[in-house]
C-alpha atoms as a PDB file:
ATOM      1  CA  MET A   1       2.589  -5.068   6.167  1.00  0.00           C
ATOM      2  CA  GLN A   2       0.544  -3.880   9.125  1.00  0.00           C
ATOM      3  CA  PHE A   3       0.136  -0.125   9.292  1.00  0.00           C
ATOM      4  CA  GLN A   4       0.455   1.787  12.551  1.00  0.00           C
ATOM      5  CA  ARG A   5      -1.603   4.920  13.153  1.00  0.00           C
ATOM      6  CA  LYS A   6       0.779   7.582  14.445  1.00  0.00           C
ATOM      7  CA  GLU A   7      -0.816  10.800  13.205  1.00  0.00           C
ATOM      8  CA  LYS A   8      -3.148  12.616  15.607  1.00  0.00           C
ATOM      9  CA  PRO A   9      -5.146  15.009  13.427  1.00  0.00           C
ATOM     10  CA  LEU A  10      -7.713  17.400  14.857  1.00  0.00           C
ATOM     11  CA  ARG A  11     -11.283  16.632  13.849  1.00  0.00           C
ATOM     12  CA  GLN A  12     -11.963  17.894  10.328  1.00  0.00           C
ATOM     13  CA  LYS A  13     -15.202  19.019   8.683  1.00  0.00           C
ATOM     14  CA  LYS A  14     -14.487  17.046   5.485  1.00  0.00           C
ATOM     15  CA  TYR A  15     -13.014  13.554   5.341  1.00  0.00           C
ATOM     16  CA  GLN A  16     -10.811  14.629   2.384  1.00  0.00           C
ATOM     17  CA  ASN A  17      -8.909  16.928   4.760  1.00  0.00           C
ATOM     18  CA  TYR A  18      -7.406  13.867   6.445  1.00  0.00           C
ATOM     19  CA  LYS A  19      -5.558  12.814   3.290  1.00  0.00           C
ATOM     20  CA  SER A  20      -2.213  14.393   4.220  1.00  0.00           C
ATOM     21  CA  TYR A  21      -2.258  12.535   7.553  1.00  0.00           C
ATOM     22  CA  LEU A  22      -3.378   9.232   6.063  1.00  0.00           C
ATOM     23  CA  ARG A  23      -0.642   9.140   3.462  1.00  0.00           C
ATOM     24  CA  LYS A  24       1.947   9.307   6.257  1.00  0.00           C
ATOM     25  CA  ASP A  25       0.227   6.672   8.403  1.00  0.00           C
ATOM     26  CA  PHE A  26      -0.006   4.352   5.400  1.00  0.00           C
ATOM     27  CA  LEU A  27       3.620   5.039   4.386  1.00  0.00           C
ATOM     28  CA  TYR A  28       2.539   6.560   1.052  1.00  0.00           C
ATOM     29  CA  ARG A  29       1.087   3.179   0.020  1.00  0.00           C
ATOM     30  CA  CYS A  30      -2.353   1.863  -0.775  1.00  0.00           C
ATOM     31  CA  ALA A  31      -3.664   0.185   2.373  1.00  0.00           C
ATOM     32  CA  TYR A  32      -4.949  -2.747   0.298  1.00  0.00           C
ATOM     33  CA  CYS A  33      -2.638  -3.513  -2.634  1.00  0.00           C
ATOM     34  CA  LEU A  34       0.444  -1.798  -1.096  1.00  0.00           C
ATOM     35  CA  ILE A  35       1.363   0.035  -4.294  1.00  0.00           C
ATOM     36  CA  HIS A  36       3.440   3.131  -3.524  1.00  0.00           C
ATOM     37  CA  GLU A  37       2.561   6.663  -4.645  1.00  0.00           C
ATOM     38  CA  GLY A  38       5.865   6.783  -6.477  1.00  0.00           C
ATOM     39  CA  HIS A  39       4.814   3.794  -8.588  1.00  0.00           C
ATOM     40  CA  TYR A  40       1.244   4.885  -9.234  1.00  0.00           C
ATOM     41  CA  GLY A  41       1.151   8.495 -10.341  1.00  0.00           C
ATOM     42  CA  GLY A  42       1.413  10.216  -6.981  1.00  0.00           C
ATOM     43  CA  LEU A  43      -1.025  11.842  -4.619  1.00  0.00           C
ATOM     44  CA  ARG A  44      -3.731  12.630  -7.169  1.00  0.00           C
ATOM     45  CA  ASN A  45      -4.235   8.926  -7.924  1.00  0.00           C
ATOM     46  CA  PHE A  46      -4.864   8.090  -4.263  1.00  0.00           C
ATOM     47  CA  HIS A  47      -8.143   8.510  -2.373  1.00  0.00           C
ATOM     48  CA  VAL A  48      -9.466   8.588   1.164  1.00  0.00           C
ATOM     49  CA  ASP A  49     -11.347   5.310   1.594  1.00  0.00           C
ATOM     50  CA  HIS A  50     -13.989   4.622   4.228  1.00  0.00           C
ATOM     51  CA  PHE A  51     -13.158   1.137   5.504  1.00  0.00           C
ATOM     52  CA  ARG A  52     -16.749   0.791   6.692  1.00  0.00           C
ATOM     53  CA  PRO A  53     -18.657   2.518   3.874  1.00  0.00           C
ATOM     54  CA  LYS A  54     -20.096   5.910   4.764  1.00  0.00           C
ATOM     55  CA  LYS A  55     -23.378   4.962   3.080  1.00  0.00           C
ATOM     56  CA  LYS A  56     -23.896   2.148   5.579  1.00  0.00           C
ATOM     57  CA  TYR A  57     -22.079   3.746   8.513  1.00  0.00           C
ATOM     58  CA  PRO A  58     -22.683   7.530   8.195  1.00  0.00           C
ATOM     59  CA  ARG A  59     -21.602   8.119  11.799  1.00  0.00           C
ATOM     60  CA  LEU A  60     -18.093   6.955  10.865  1.00  0.00           C
ATOM     61  CA  ALA A  61     -17.770   9.286   7.859  1.00  0.00           C
ATOM     62  CA  LEU A  62     -15.327  11.575   9.723  1.00  0.00           C
ATOM     63  CA  ALA A  63     -13.823   9.032  12.124  1.00  0.00           C
ATOM     64  CA  TYR A  64     -10.094   8.977  11.407  1.00  0.00           C
ATOM     65  CA  ALA A  65      -9.775   5.315  12.457  1.00  0.00           C
ATOM     66  CA  ASN A  66     -12.267   4.388   9.709  1.00  0.00           C
ATOM     67  CA  LEU A  67     -10.343   6.229   6.978  1.00  0.00           C
ATOM     68  CA  TYR A  68      -7.705   4.485   4.862  1.00  0.00           C
ATOM     69  CA  TYR A  69      -5.334   5.633   2.128  1.00  0.00           C
ATOM     70  CA  ALA A  70      -6.145   3.754  -1.082  1.00  0.00           C
ATOM     71  CA  CYS A  71      -5.146   3.870  -4.711  1.00  0.00           C
ATOM     72  CA  GLY A  72      -7.911   4.956  -7.061  1.00  0.00           C
ATOM     73  CA  LEU A  73      -8.475   1.441  -8.397  1.00  0.00           C
ATOM     74  CA  CYS A  74      -8.763  -0.316  -5.022  1.00  0.00           C
ATOM     75  CA  ASN A  75     -11.046   2.442  -3.747  1.00  0.00           C
ATOM     76  CA  THR A  76     -13.238   2.181  -6.855  1.00  0.00           C
ATOM     77  CA  PHE A  77     -13.416  -1.611  -6.771  1.00  0.00           C
ATOM     78  CA  LYS A  78     -14.223  -1.624  -3.047  1.00  0.00           C
ATOM     79  CA  GLY A  79     -16.922   1.017  -3.443  1.00  0.00           C
ATOM     80  CA  ASP A  80     -19.709   0.566  -0.894  1.00  0.00           C
ATOM     81  CA  ALA A  81     -19.193  -3.185  -0.521  1.00  0.00           C
ATOM     82  CA  TRP A  82     -19.443  -4.580   2.980  1.00  0.00           C
ATOM     83  CA  PRO A  83     -20.121  -8.152   4.100  1.00  0.00           C
ATOM     84  CA  SER A  84     -23.445  -9.128   5.597  1.00  0.00           C
ATOM     85  CA  ALA A  85     -23.642 -10.313   9.207  1.00  0.00           C
ATOM     86  CA  LYS A  86     -23.966 -13.871   7.899  1.00  0.00           C
ATOM     87  CA  GLU A  87     -20.835 -13.501   5.750  1.00  0.00           C
ATOM     88  CA  ILE A  88     -18.857 -12.041   8.655  1.00  0.00           C
ATOM     89  CA  GLU A  89     -19.937 -14.922  10.876  1.00  0.00           C
ATOM     90  CA  ALA A  90     -18.671 -17.339   8.195  1.00  0.00           C
ATOM     91  CA  GLY A  91     -15.288 -15.529   8.047  1.00  0.00           C
ATOM     92  CA  PHE A  92     -15.874 -13.517   4.867  1.00  0.00           C
ATOM     93  CA  ARG A  93     -14.767  -9.935   5.520  1.00  0.00           C
ATOM     94  CA  PHE A  94     -12.345  -7.274   4.398  1.00  0.00           C
ATOM     95  CA  VAL A  95      -8.926  -7.785   5.940  1.00  0.00           C
ATOM     96  CA  ASP A  96      -7.938  -4.789   8.029  1.00  0.00           C
ATOM     97  CA  PRO A  97      -4.326  -3.686   7.395  1.00  0.00           C
ATOM     98  CA  SER A  98      -4.435  -1.486  10.506  1.00  0.00           C
ATOM     99  CA  ALA A  99      -5.222  -4.473  12.717  1.00  0.00           C
ATOM    100  CA  GLU A 100      -3.224  -7.285  11.084  1.00  0.00           C
ATOM    101  CA  ASN A 101      -0.668  -8.045   8.384  1.00  0.00           C
ATOM    102  CA  PRO A 102      -2.802  -9.341   5.491  1.00  0.00           C
ATOM    103  CA  TYR A 103       0.190 -10.364   3.384  1.00  0.00           C
ATOM    104  CA  GLU A 104       1.473 -12.684   6.121  1.00  0.00           C
ATOM    105  CA  ILE A 105      -1.877 -14.107   7.239  1.00  0.00           C
ATOM    106  CA  HIS A 106      -4.370 -13.984   4.376  1.00  0.00           C
ATOM    107  CA  PHE A 107      -2.329 -13.968   1.149  1.00  0.00           C
ATOM    108  CA  GLN A 108       0.591 -15.837  -0.369  1.00  0.00           C
ATOM    109  CA  LEU A 109       2.767 -14.163  -2.971  1.00  0.00           C
ATOM    110  CA  ASN A 110       4.112 -16.246  -5.851  1.00  0.00           C
ATOM    111  CA  GLU A 111       7.766 -15.159  -6.064  1.00  0.00           C
ATOM    112  CA  THR A 112       7.961 -16.274  -9.707  1.00  0.00           C
ATOM    113  CA  ASP A 113       5.132 -14.411 -11.414  1.00  0.00           C
ATOM    114  CA  GLY A 114       3.927 -11.906  -8.782  1.00  0.00           C
ATOM    115  CA  SER A 115       0.483 -13.490  -8.513  1.00  0.00           C
ATOM    116  CA  LEU A 116      -1.373 -13.471  -5.218  1.00  0.00           C
ATOM    117  CA  ARG A 117      -3.284 -16.407  -3.741  1.00  0.00           C
ATOM    118  CA  ALA A 118      -5.816 -15.989  -0.952  1.00  0.00           C
ATOM    119  CA  LEU A 119      -5.264 -18.343   2.002  1.00  0.00           C
ATOM    120  CA  THR A 120      -8.334 -17.548   4.111  1.00  0.00           C
ATOM    121  CA  ASP A 121     -11.987 -16.675   3.617  1.00  0.00           C
ATOM    122  CA  ALA A 122     -11.184 -13.077   4.587  1.00  0.00           C
ATOM    123  CA  GLY A 123      -8.420 -13.088   1.991  1.00  0.00           C
ATOM    124  CA  ARG A 124     -10.768 -14.495  -0.651  1.00  0.00           C
ATOM    125  CA  TYR A 125     -13.449 -11.901   0.150  1.00  0.00           C
ATOM    126  CA  SER A 126     -10.936  -9.028   0.045  1.00  0.00           C
ATOM    127  CA  SER A 127      -9.239 -10.223  -3.121  1.00  0.00           C
ATOM    128  CA  ALA A 128     -12.556 -10.752  -4.917  1.00  0.00           C
ATOM    129  CA  HIS A 129     -13.801  -7.236  -4.096  1.00  0.00           C
ATOM    130  CA  LEU A 130     -10.492  -5.383  -4.508  1.00  0.00           C
ATOM    131  CA  LEU A 131      -9.174  -7.469  -7.441  1.00  0.00           C
ATOM    132  CA  LEU A 132      -5.826  -7.818  -5.667  1.00  0.00           C
ATOM    133  CA  ASP A 133      -4.561 -10.311  -8.249  1.00  0.00           C
ATOM    134  CA  ARG A 134      -5.252  -8.001 -11.205  1.00  0.00           C
ATOM    135  CA  GLU A 135      -2.733  -8.021 -14.052  1.00  0.00           C
ATOM    136  CA  GLN A 136      -1.365  -4.551 -13.255  1.00  0.00           C
ATOM    137  CA  LEU A 137      -0.466  -5.610  -9.705  1.00  0.00           C
ATOM    138  CA  ARG A 138       0.983  -8.967 -10.784  1.00  0.00           C
ATOM    139  CA  LYS A 139       3.327  -7.178 -13.208  1.00  0.00           C
ATOM    140  CA  HIS A 140       4.268  -4.575 -10.612  1.00  0.00           C
ATOM    141  CA  ARG A 141       5.014  -7.208  -7.950  1.00  0.00           C
ATOM    142  CA  GLN A 142       7.018  -9.261 -10.450  1.00  0.00           C
ATOM    143  CA  ARG A 143       9.151  -6.223 -11.359  1.00  0.00           C
ATOM    144  CA  GLN A 144       9.748  -5.504  -7.671  1.00  0.00           C
ATOM    145  CA  ILE A 145      10.761  -9.135  -7.043  1.00  0.00           C
ATOM    146  CA  GLU A 146      13.181  -9.031  -9.995  1.00  0.00           C
ATOM    147  CA  LYS A 147      14.694  -5.710  -8.882  1.00  0.00           C
ATOM    148  CA  ARG A 148      15.113  -6.966  -5.327  1.00  0.00           C
ATOM    149  CA  ALA A 149      16.819 -10.155  -6.587  1.00  0.00           C
ATOM    150  CA  LYS A 150      19.270  -8.096  -8.671  1.00  0.00           C
ATOM    151  CA  TRP A 151      19.886  -5.768  -5.740  1.00  0.00           C
ATOM    152  CA  ASN A 152      20.657  -8.783  -3.501  1.00  0.00           C
ATOM    153  CA  GLU A 153      22.967 -10.252  -6.150  1.00  0.00           C
ATOM    154  CA  VAL A 154      24.998  -7.039  -6.356  1.00  0.00           C
ATOM    155  CA  SER A 155      25.068  -6.822  -2.558  1.00  0.00           C
ATOM    156  CA  GLU A 156      26.580 -10.296  -2.344  1.00  0.00           C
ATOM    157  CA  LEU A 157      29.168  -9.476  -5.028  1.00  0.00           C
ATOM    158  CA  LEU A 158      30.234  -6.429  -3.010  1.00  0.00           C
ATOM    159  CA  ASN A 159      31.095  -8.657  -0.054  1.00  0.00           C
ATOM    160  CA  ALA A 160      34.035 -10.198  -1.948  1.00  0.00           C
ATOM    161  CA  PRO A 161      37.191  -9.641   0.199  1.00  0.00           C
ATOM    162  CA  SER A 162      39.463  -8.511  -2.657  1.00  0.00           C
ATOM    163  CA  LEU A 163      37.460  -5.444  -3.715  1.00  0.00           C
ATOM    164  CA  ASP A 164      38.763  -1.904  -3.292  1.00  0.00           C
ATOM    165  CA  LEU A 165      36.986  -0.350  -0.274  1.00  0.00           C
ATOM    166  CA  GLU A 166      36.502   3.055  -1.917  1.00  0.00           C
ATOM    167  CA  TRP A 167      34.887   1.400  -4.953  1.00  0.00           C
ATOM    168  CA  VAL A 168      32.639  -0.684  -2.680  1.00  0.00           C
ATOM    169  CA  ALA A 169      31.529   2.451  -0.798  1.00  0.00           C
ATOM    170  CA  ARG A 170      30.627   4.189  -4.096  1.00  0.00           C
ATOM    171  CA  ALA A 171      28.752   1.095  -5.318  1.00  0.00           C
ATOM    172  CA  ARG A 172      26.801   0.878  -2.057  1.00  0.00           C
ATOM    173  CA  ALA A 173      25.836   4.547  -2.353  1.00  0.00           C
ATOM    174  CA  VAL A 174      24.443   3.858  -5.835  1.00  0.00           C
ATOM    175  CA  MET A 175      22.545   0.843  -4.467  1.00  0.00           C
ATOM    176  CA  ALA A 176      21.033   2.989  -1.712  1.00  0.00           C
ATOM    177  CA  GLU A 177      19.880   5.468  -4.340  1.00  0.00           C
ATOM    178  CA  ILE A 178      18.328   2.656  -6.414  1.00  0.00           C
ATOM    179  CA  GLU A 179      16.514   1.363  -3.344  1.00  0.00           C
ATOM    180  CA  ARG A 180      15.145   4.827  -2.519  1.00  0.00           C
ATOM    181  CA  GLU A 181      13.992   5.494  -6.062  1.00  0.00           C
ATOM    182  CA  TYR A 182      12.694   2.109  -7.197  1.00  0.00           C
ATOM    183  CA  LEU A 183      12.227  -0.351  -4.352  1.00  0.00           C
ATOM    184  CA  ASP A 184      10.962   1.984  -1.634  1.00  0.00           C
ATOM    185  CA  PRO A 185      10.620   5.427  -3.232  1.00  0.00           C
ATOM    186  CA  ALA A 186      10.097   8.711  -1.508  1.00  0.00           C
ATOM    187  CA  PRO A 187       6.746  10.387  -2.184  1.00  0.00           C
ATOM    188  CA  PRO A 188       6.869  12.144  -5.548  1.00  0.00           C
ATOM    189  CA  TYR A 189       5.814  15.418  -3.964  1.00  0.00           C
ATOM    190  CA  GLU A 190       4.275  16.818  -0.830  1.00  0.00           C
ATOM    191  CA  VAL A 191       0.774  18.175  -0.319  1.00  0.00           C
ATOM    192  CA  GLU A 192       2.158  21.705  -0.147  1.00  0.00           C
ATOM    193  CA  ASP A 193       3.269  21.296  -3.771  1.00  0.00           C
ATOM    194  CA  LEU A 194      -0.365  20.985  -4.834  1.00  0.00           C
ATOM    195  CA  LYS A 195      -1.726  24.227  -3.426  1.00  0.00           C
ATOM    196  CA  GLY A 196      -4.662  25.388  -5.502  1.00  0.00           C
ATOM    197  CA  THR A 197      -5.472  21.922  -6.856  1.00  0.00           C
ATOM    198  CA  THR A 198      -8.233  19.636  -5.695  1.00  0.00           C
ATOM    199  CA  THR A 199      -7.542  16.176  -4.306  1.00  0.00           C
ATOM    200  CA  GLN A 200      -9.917  13.403  -3.319  1.00  0.00           C
END
């Protein structure tokens, strides 16, 4: 998945104030592991990440293009890591999900167990620093693969010519609800719902 920046926020005094814009640009998902807010405890478990660390690039601390929406674990694992000039020259870098589709170019998903294999040096660097093949993500991806397979199986069964059309319409409505809630959920709540609470 390659994310497209569509939000045009005014310049903010604190990078945290961009969070409500970032979550929309990153489709309520972690920019790195792709886990959805609805599967990972919602807004409070997501952070504003500085793609180029603010410690090393202080001038980019408030640059919206340098800010990414990340789950708490990916953001923590990434920390202030950044490749050296020598590593970048050799191809070791963080993959940039705003510039390319990492899961088509740099990683291969095992459809059986949900594990992730790096295909490139950039993929290896990113996976090593972000722990993208951690057990939690393998289990999550495996559950999503299994749910999608079941969803596809039911979809095929509903194409049988002898089925009652009203029954098929009701079944498809239930499938749409399952897809919204489990396969591609809506955000659990909006920022306005958290007035008076602090978010990172």
